Each structure stands twice: as structure tokens, then as C-alpha cells.
PDB file of N, CA and C in Angstrom:
ATOM      1  N   MET A   1     134.032 242.149  43.817  1.00  0.00           N
ATOM      2  CA  MET A   1     133.811 242.232  42.386  1.00  0.00           C
ATOM      3  C   MET A   1     132.374 242.690  42.147  1.00  0.00           C
ATOM      4  N   GLN A   2     132.223 243.736  41.349  1.00  0.00           N
ATOM      5  CA  GLN A   2     130.883 244.193  41.010  1.00  0.00           C
ATOM      6  C   GLN A   2     130.262 243.191  40.035  1.00  0.00           C
ATOM      7  N   VAL A   3     128.977 242.970  40.189  1.00  0.00           N
ATOM      8  CA  VAL A   3     128.272 241.997  39.349  1.00  0.00           C
ATOM      9  C   VAL A   3     127.050 242.633  38.699  1.00  0.00           C
ATOM     10  N   ASP A   4     126.612 242.013  37.608  1.00  0.00           N
ATOM     11  CA  ASP A   4     125.428 242.477  36.895  1.00  0.00           C
ATOM     12  C   ASP A   4     124.213 241.759  37.470  1.00  0.00           C
ATOM     13  N   SER A   5     123.480 242.449  38.317  1.00  0.00           N
ATOM     14  CA  SER A   5     122.334 241.833  38.999  1.00  0.00           C
ATOM     15  C   SER A   5     121.349 242.928  39.386  1.00  0.00           C
ATOM     16  N   GLU A   6     120.062 242.600  39.380  1.00  0.00           N
ATOM     17  CA  GLU A   6     119.049 243.540  39.805  1.00  0.00           C
ATOM     18  C   GLU A   6     119.051 243.728  41.312  1.00  0.00           C
ATOM     19  N   ALA A   7     119.550 242.747  42.056  1.00  0.00           N
ATOM     20  CA  ALA A   7     119.493 242.792  43.517  1.00  0.00           C
ATOM     21  C   ALA A   7     120.858 242.975  44.167  1.00  0.00           C
ATOM     22  N   ILE A   8     121.898 242.461  43.550  1.00  0.00           N
ATOM     23  CA  ILE A   8     123.222 242.390  44.180  1.00  0.00           C
ATOM     24  C   ILE A   8     124.212 243.286  43.440  1.00  0.00           C
ATOM     25  N   HIS A   9     124.913 244.109  44.208  1.00  0.00           N
ATOM     26  CA  HIS A   9     125.875 245.051  43.646  1.00  0.00           C
ATOM     27  C   HIS A   9     127.289 244.463  43.589  1.00  0.00           C
ATOM     28  N   GLU A  10     127.681 243.800  44.678  1.00  0.00           N
ATOM     29  CA  GLU A  10     129.071 243.346  44.766  1.00  0.00           C
ATOM     30  C   GLU A  10     129.177 242.053  45.572  1.00  0.00           C
ATOM     31  N   ILE A  11     130.120 241.211  45.153  1.00  0.00           N
ATOM     32  CA  ILE A  11     130.399 239.962  45.848  1.00  0.00           C
ATOM     33  C   ILE A  11     131.897 239.904  46.094  1.00  0.00           C
ATOM     34  N   SER A  12     132.295 239.584  47.335  1.00  0.00           N
ATOM     35  CA  SER A  12     133.702 239.339  47.613  1.00  0.00           C
ATOM     36  C   SER A  12     133.811 238.149  48.549  1.00  0.00           C
ATOM     37  N   TYR A  13     135.006 237.553  48.607  1.00  0.00           N
ATOM     38  CA  TYR A  13     135.189 236.306  49.338  1.00  0.00           C
ATOM     39  C   TYR A  13     136.559 236.277  49.999  1.00  0.00           C
ATOM     40  N   ASP A  14     136.593 235.829  51.239  1.00  0.00           N
ATOM     41  CA  ASP A  14     137.840 235.609  51.966  1.00  0.00           C
ATOM     42  C   ASP A  14     138.035 234.091  52.078  1.00  0.00           C
ATOM     43  N   PRO A  15     138.897 233.518  51.220  1.00  0.00           N
ATOM     44  CA  PRO A  15     139.051 232.061  51.207  1.00  0.00           C
ATOM     45  C   PRO A  15     139.682 231.501  52.478  1.00  0.00           C
ATOM     46  N   HIS A  16     140.479 232.286  53.169  1.00  0.00           N
ATOM     47  CA  HIS A  16     141.137 231.809  54.382  1.00  0.00           C
ATOM     48  C   HIS A  16     140.164 231.667  55.550  1.00  0.00           C
ATOM     49  N   ARG A  17     139.117 232.463  55.525  1.00  0.00           N
ATOM     50  CA  ARG A  17     138.123 232.422  56.607  1.00  0.00           C
ATOM     51  C   ARG A  17     136.766 231.897  56.131  1.00  0.00           C
ATOM     52  N   ALA A  18     136.667 231.536  54.852  1.00  0.00           N
ATOM     53  CA  ALA A  18     135.415 231.039  54.269  1.00  0.00           C
ATOM     54  C   ALA A  18     134.264 232.004  54.512  1.00  0.00           C
ATOM     55  N   LYS A  19     134.542 233.306  54.298  1.00  0.00           N
ATOM     56  CA  LYS A  19     133.529 234.336  54.487  1.00  0.00           C
ATOM     57  C   LYS A  19     133.173 234.957  53.140  1.00  0.00           C
ATOM     58  N   LEU A  20     131.881 234.992  52.882  1.00  0.00           N
ATOM     59  CA  LEU A  20     131.347 235.592  51.656  1.00  0.00           C
ATOM     60  C   LEU A  20     130.710 236.923  52.022  1.00  0.00           C
ATOM     61  N   PHE A  21     131.123 237.980  51.330  1.00  0.00           N
ATOM     62  CA  PHE A  21     130.550 239.309  51.556  1.00  0.00           C
ATOM     63  C   PHE A  21     129.651 239.666  50.376  1.00  0.00           C
ATOM     64  N   VAL A  22     128.439 240.050  50.676  1.00  0.00           N
ATOM     65  CA  VAL A  22     127.477 240.399  49.639  1.00  0.00           C
ATOM     66  C   VAL A  22     126.950 241.813  49.918  1.00  0.00           C
ATOM     67  N   THR A  23     127.117 242.692  48.927  1.00  0.00           N
ATOM     68  CA  THR A  23     126.568 244.038  49.029  1.00  0.00           C
ATOM     69  C   THR A  23     125.380 244.138  48.083  1.00  0.00           C
ATOM     70  N   PHE A  24     124.231 244.504  48.634  1.00  0.00           N
ATOM     71  CA  PHE A  24     123.025 244.601  47.819  1.00  0.00           C
ATOM     72  C   PHE A  24     122.918 245.991  47.215  1.00  0.00           C
ATOM     73  N   ASN A  25     122.067 246.114  46.227  1.00  0.00           N
ATOM     74  CA  ASN A  25     121.927 247.404  45.513  1.00  0.00           C
ATOM     75  C   ASN A  25     121.408 248.516  46.412  1.00  0.00           C
ATOM     76  N   ASP A  26     120.775 248.162  47.534  1.00  0.00           N
ATOM     77  CA  ASP A  26     120.308 249.209  48.462  1.00  0.00           C
ATOM     78  C   ASP A  26     121.420 249.673  49.396  1.00  0.00           C
ATOM     79  N   GLY A  27     122.615 249.079  49.260  1.00  0.00           N
ATOM     80  CA  GLY A  27     123.767 249.483  50.063  1.00  0.00           C
ATOM     81  C   GLY A  27     124.032 248.612  51.271  1.00  0.00           C
ATOM     82  N   ASP A  28     123.074 247.771  51.647  1.00  0.00           N
ATOM     83  CA  ASP A  28     123.273 246.878  52.786  1.00  0.00           C
ATOM     84  C   ASP A  28     124.326 245.828  52.442  1.00  0.00           C
ATOM     85  N   ARG A  29     125.210 245.551  53.416  1.00  0.00           N
ATOM     86  CA  ARG A  29     126.297 244.575  53.208  1.00  0.00           C
ATOM     87  C   ARG A  29     126.219 243.521  54.300  1.00  0.00           C
ATOM     88  N   TYR A  30     126.332 242.275  53.903  1.00  0.00           N
ATOM     89  CA  TYR A  30     126.258 241.154  54.834  1.00  0.00           C
ATOM     90  C   TYR A  30     127.459 240.232  54.633  1.00  0.00           C
ATOM     91  N   VAL A  31     127.855 239.573  55.713  1.00  0.00           N
ATOM     92  CA  VAL A  31     128.892 238.552  55.641  1.00  0.00           C
ATOM     93  C   VAL A  31     128.246 237.211  55.999  1.00  0.00           C
ATOM     94  N   TYR A  32     128.523 236.207  55.171  1.00  0.00           N
ATOM     95  CA  TYR A  32     128.029 234.846  55.358  1.00  0.00           C
ATOM     96  C   TYR A  32     129.214 233.966  55.695  1.00  0.00           C
ATOM     97  N   VAL A  33     129.102 233.204  56.784  1.00  0.00           N
ATOM     98  CA  VAL A  33     130.225 232.475  57.344  1.00  0.00           C
ATOM     99  C   VAL A  33     130.142 230.984  57.009  1.00  0.00           C
ATOM    100  N   GLY A  34     131.314 230.403  56.706  1.00  0.00           N
ATOM    101  CA  GLY A  34     131.383 228.975  56.425  1.00  0.00           C
ATOM    102  C   GLY A  34     131.008 228.606  55.003  1.00  0.00           C
ATOM    103  N   VAL A  35     131.101 229.573  54.098  1.00  0.00           N
ATOM    104  CA  VAL A  35     130.735 229.343  52.697  1.00  0.00           C
ATOM    105  C   VAL A  35     131.927 228.728  51.954  1.00  0.00           C
ATOM    106  N   PRO A  36     131.764 227.535  51.400  1.00  0.00           N
ATOM    107  CA  PRO A  36     132.884 226.907  50.681  1.00  0.00           C
ATOM    108  C   PRO A  36     133.240 227.685  49.407  1.00  0.00           C
ATOM    109  N   GLY A  37     134.482 227.566  49.010  1.00  0.00           N
ATOM    110  CA  GLY A  37     134.971 228.235  47.820  1.00  0.00           C
ATOM    111  C   GLY A  37     134.181 227.891  46.571  1.00  0.00           C
ATOM    112  N   GLU A  38     133.754 226.619  46.468  1.00  0.00           N
ATOM    113  CA  GLU A  38     133.018 226.234  45.266  1.00  0.00           C
ATOM    114  C   GLU A  38     131.644 226.909  45.184  1.00  0.00           C
ATOM    115  N   VAL A  39     131.059 227.217  46.341  1.00  0.00           N
ATOM    116  CA  VAL A  39     129.787 227.953  46.355  1.00  0.00           C
ATOM    117  C   VAL A  39     130.029 229.381  45.873  1.00  0.00           C
ATOM    118  N   HIS A  40     131.110 229.992  46.317  1.00  0.00           N
ATOM    119  CA  HIS A  40     131.455 231.340  45.862  1.00  0.00           C
ATOM    120  C   HIS A  40     131.651 231.355  44.353  1.00  0.00           C
ATOM    121  N   ARG A  41     132.404 230.403  43.834  1.00  0.00           N
ATOM    122  CA  ARG A  41     132.646 230.334  42.378  1.00  0.00           C
ATOM    123  C   ARG A  41     131.350 230.118  41.606  1.00  0.00           C
ATOM    124  N   SER A  42     130.488 229.254  42.116  1.00  0.00           N
ATOM    125  CA  SER A  42     129.201 229.008  41.451  1.00  0.00           C
ATOM    126  C   SER A  42     128.326 230.254  41.493  1.00  0.00           C
ATOM    127  N   PHE A  43     128.410 230.999  42.579  1.00  0.00           N
ATOM    128  CA  PHE A  43     127.657 232.239  42.722  1.00  0.00           C
ATOM    129  C   PHE A  43     128.096 233.227  41.629  1.00  0.00           C
ATOM    130  N   LEU A  44     129.407 233.391  41.471  1.00  0.00           N
ATOM    131  CA  LEU A  44     129.919 234.305  40.436  1.00  0.00           C
ATOM    132  C   LEU A  44     129.518 233.856  39.040  1.00  0.00           C
ATOM    133  N   ASP A  45     129.456 232.538  38.808  1.00  0.00           N
ATOM    134  CA  ASP A  45     129.149 232.005  37.486  1.00  0.00           C
ATOM    135  C   ASP A  45     127.645 231.946  37.188  1.00  0.00           C
ATOM    136  N   ALA A  46     126.816 232.105  38.210  1.00  0.00           N
ATOM    137  CA  ALA A  46     125.370 231.940  38.043  1.00  0.00           C
ATOM    138  C   ALA A  46     124.796 232.985  37.084  1.00  0.00           C
ATOM    139  N   ASP A  47     123.884 232.553  36.237  1.00  0.00           N
ATOM    140  CA  ASP A  47     123.197 233.480  35.324  1.00  0.00           C
ATOM    141  C   ASP A  47     122.375 234.498  36.098  1.00  0.00           C
ATOM    142  N   SER A  48     121.721 234.042  37.169  1.00  0.00           N
ATOM    143  CA  SER A  48     120.925 234.927  38.012  1.00  0.00           C
ATOM    144  C   SER A  48     121.527 234.919  39.406  1.00  0.00           C
ATOM    145  N   LYS A  49     122.232 235.980  39.754  1.00  0.00           N
ATOM    146  CA  LYS A  49     122.858 236.075  41.078  1.00  0.00           C
ATOM    147  C   LYS A  49     121.793 236.080  42.168  1.00  0.00           C
ATOM    148  N   GLY A  50     120.704 236.796  41.936  1.00  0.00           N
ATOM    149  CA  GLY A  50     119.650 236.869  42.938  1.00  0.00           C
ATOM    150  C   GLY A  50     119.008 235.512  43.204  1.00  0.00           C
ATOM    151  N   ARG A  51     118.746 234.765  42.154  1.00  0.00           N
ATOM    152  CA  ARG A  51     118.142 233.433  42.311  1.00  0.00           C
ATOM    153  C   ARG A  51     119.125 232.486  43.006  1.00  0.00           C
ATOM    154  N   PHE A  52     120.370 232.511  42.608  1.00  0.00           N
ATOM    155  CA  PHE A  52     121.375 231.660  43.248  1.00  0.00           C
ATOM    156  C   PHE A  52     121.465 232.003  44.725  1.00  0.00           C
ATOM    157  N   PHE A  53     121.531 233.302  45.040  1.00  0.00           N
ATOM    158  CA  PHE A  53     121.601 233.730  46.440  1.00  0.00           C
ATOM    159  C   PHE A  53     120.398 233.204  47.222  1.00  0.00           C
ATOM    160  N   ALA A  54     119.217 233.356  46.655  1.00  0.00           N
ATOM    161  CA  ALA A  54     117.987 232.954  47.353  1.00  0.00           C
ATOM    162  C   ALA A  54     117.966 231.464  47.662  1.00  0.00           C
ATOM    163  N   TYR A  55     118.423 230.658  46.724  1.00  0.00           N
ATOM    164  CA  TYR A  55     118.316 229.201  46.894  1.00  0.00           C
ATOM    165  C   TYR A  55     119.536 228.538  47.510  1.00  0.00           C
ATOM    166  N   GLU A  56     120.722 229.127  47.342  1.00  0.00           N
ATOM    167  CA  GLU A  56     121.953 228.449  47.756  1.00  0.00           C
ATOM    168  C   GLU A  56     122.688 229.107  48.920  1.00  0.00           C
ATOM    169  N   ILE A  57     122.349 230.361  49.240  1.00  0.00           N
ATOM    170  CA  ILE A  57     123.102 231.061  50.291  1.00  0.00           C
ATOM    171  C   ILE A  57     122.199 231.542  51.410  1.00  0.00           C
ATOM    172  N   ARG A  58     121.170 232.318  51.081  1.00  0.00           N
ATOM    173  CA  ARG A  58     120.267 232.806  52.118  1.00  0.00           C
ATOM    174  C   ARG A  58     119.653 231.619  52.863  1.00  0.00           C
ATOM    175  N   ASP A  59     119.609 231.710  54.147  1.00  0.00           N
ATOM    176  CA  ASP A  59     119.075 230.671  55.031  1.00  0.00           C
ATOM    177  C   ASP A  59     119.888 229.379  55.036  1.00  0.00           C
ATOM    178  N   GLN A  60     121.067 229.378  54.379  1.00  0.00           N
ATOM    179  CA  GLN A  60     121.917 228.189  54.383  1.00  0.00           C
ATOM    180  C   GLN A  60     123.155 228.371  55.260  1.00  0.00           C
ATOM    181  N   TYR A  61     123.571 229.631  55.466  1.00  0.00           N
ATOM    182  CA  TYR A  61     124.776 229.929  56.223  1.00  0.00           C
ATOM    183  C   TYR A  61     124.471 231.030  57.258  1.00  0.00           C
ATOM    184  N   PRO A  62     125.174 230.970  58.405  1.00  0.00           N
ATOM    185  CA  PRO A  62     125.005 232.057  59.370  1.00  0.00           C
ATOM    186  C   PRO A  62     125.512 233.356  58.768  1.00  0.00           C
ATOM    187  N   TYR A  63     124.908 234.461  59.154  1.00  0.00           N
ATOM    188  CA  TYR A  63     125.280 235.755  58.571  1.00  0.00           C
ATOM    189  C   TYR A  63     125.138 236.874  59.597  1.00  0.00           C
ATOM    190  N   ASN A  64     125.782 237.983  59.284  1.00  0.00           N
ATOM    191  CA  ASN A  64     125.671 239.195  60.074  1.00  0.00           C
ATOM    192  C   ASN A  64     125.677 240.376  59.114  1.00  0.00           C
ATOM    193  N   LYS A  65     124.960 241.429  59.485  1.00  0.00           N
ATOM    194  CA  LYS A  65     125.020 242.659  58.717  1.00  0.00           C
ATOM    195  C   LYS A  65     126.320 243.357  59.062  1.00  0.00           C
ATOM    196  N   VAL A  66     126.979 243.902  58.039  1.00  0.00           N
ATOM    197  CA  VAL A  66     128.237 244.618  58.234  1.00  0.00           C
ATOM    198  C   VAL A  66     127.895 246.106  58.294  1.00  0.00           C
ATOM    199  N   ASP A  67     128.302 246.747  59.390  1.00  0.00           N
ATOM    200  CA  ASP A  67     128.050 248.187  59.537  1.00  0.00           C
ATOM    201  C   ASP A  67     129.094 248.993  58.800  1.00  0.00           C
ATOM    202  N   GLY A  68     128.655 250.130  58.263  1.00  0.00           N
ATOM    203  CA  GLY A  68     129.561 251.071  57.614  1.00  0.00           C
ATOM    204  C   GLY A  68     130.069 250.561  56.350  1.00  0.00           C
TER     205      GLY A  68
END
């Protein structure tokens, strides 16, 4: 889902694998593993996606850069 954010372009979530996919405005895409569904929903509802990401996701869950 595309979002209105200065830093984040798109957010998607795989509930079966608890994987959160975040695409930044520079085109880089990352997958965060073990993210609960309620965190994903709160992320979508957050007034500032960048601030929510910085405080609630970055450095809280293991991640990998997605190539291509």
C-alpha cells in the first residue's frame, strides 16, 4: 500500500510469515521479520510513518535488504 510520507513510499505485510516490507522513497526495499500484525496496523495508522518506523520498527526487528 502506498503511503503519504516524506521517507516511506510503500508498506506491505505478510501476516502468515509476520514479515513487514518497507519501500523507501529512494527505492530501497527492506523486509523486517517477526513483526506482529498489530505493529503493522499501527504503522499504517500512524500520523508520521517515518517517526513510527524510527521508534517502533528500526532496530527492533531483524531485517534484510530486498534486491530488485
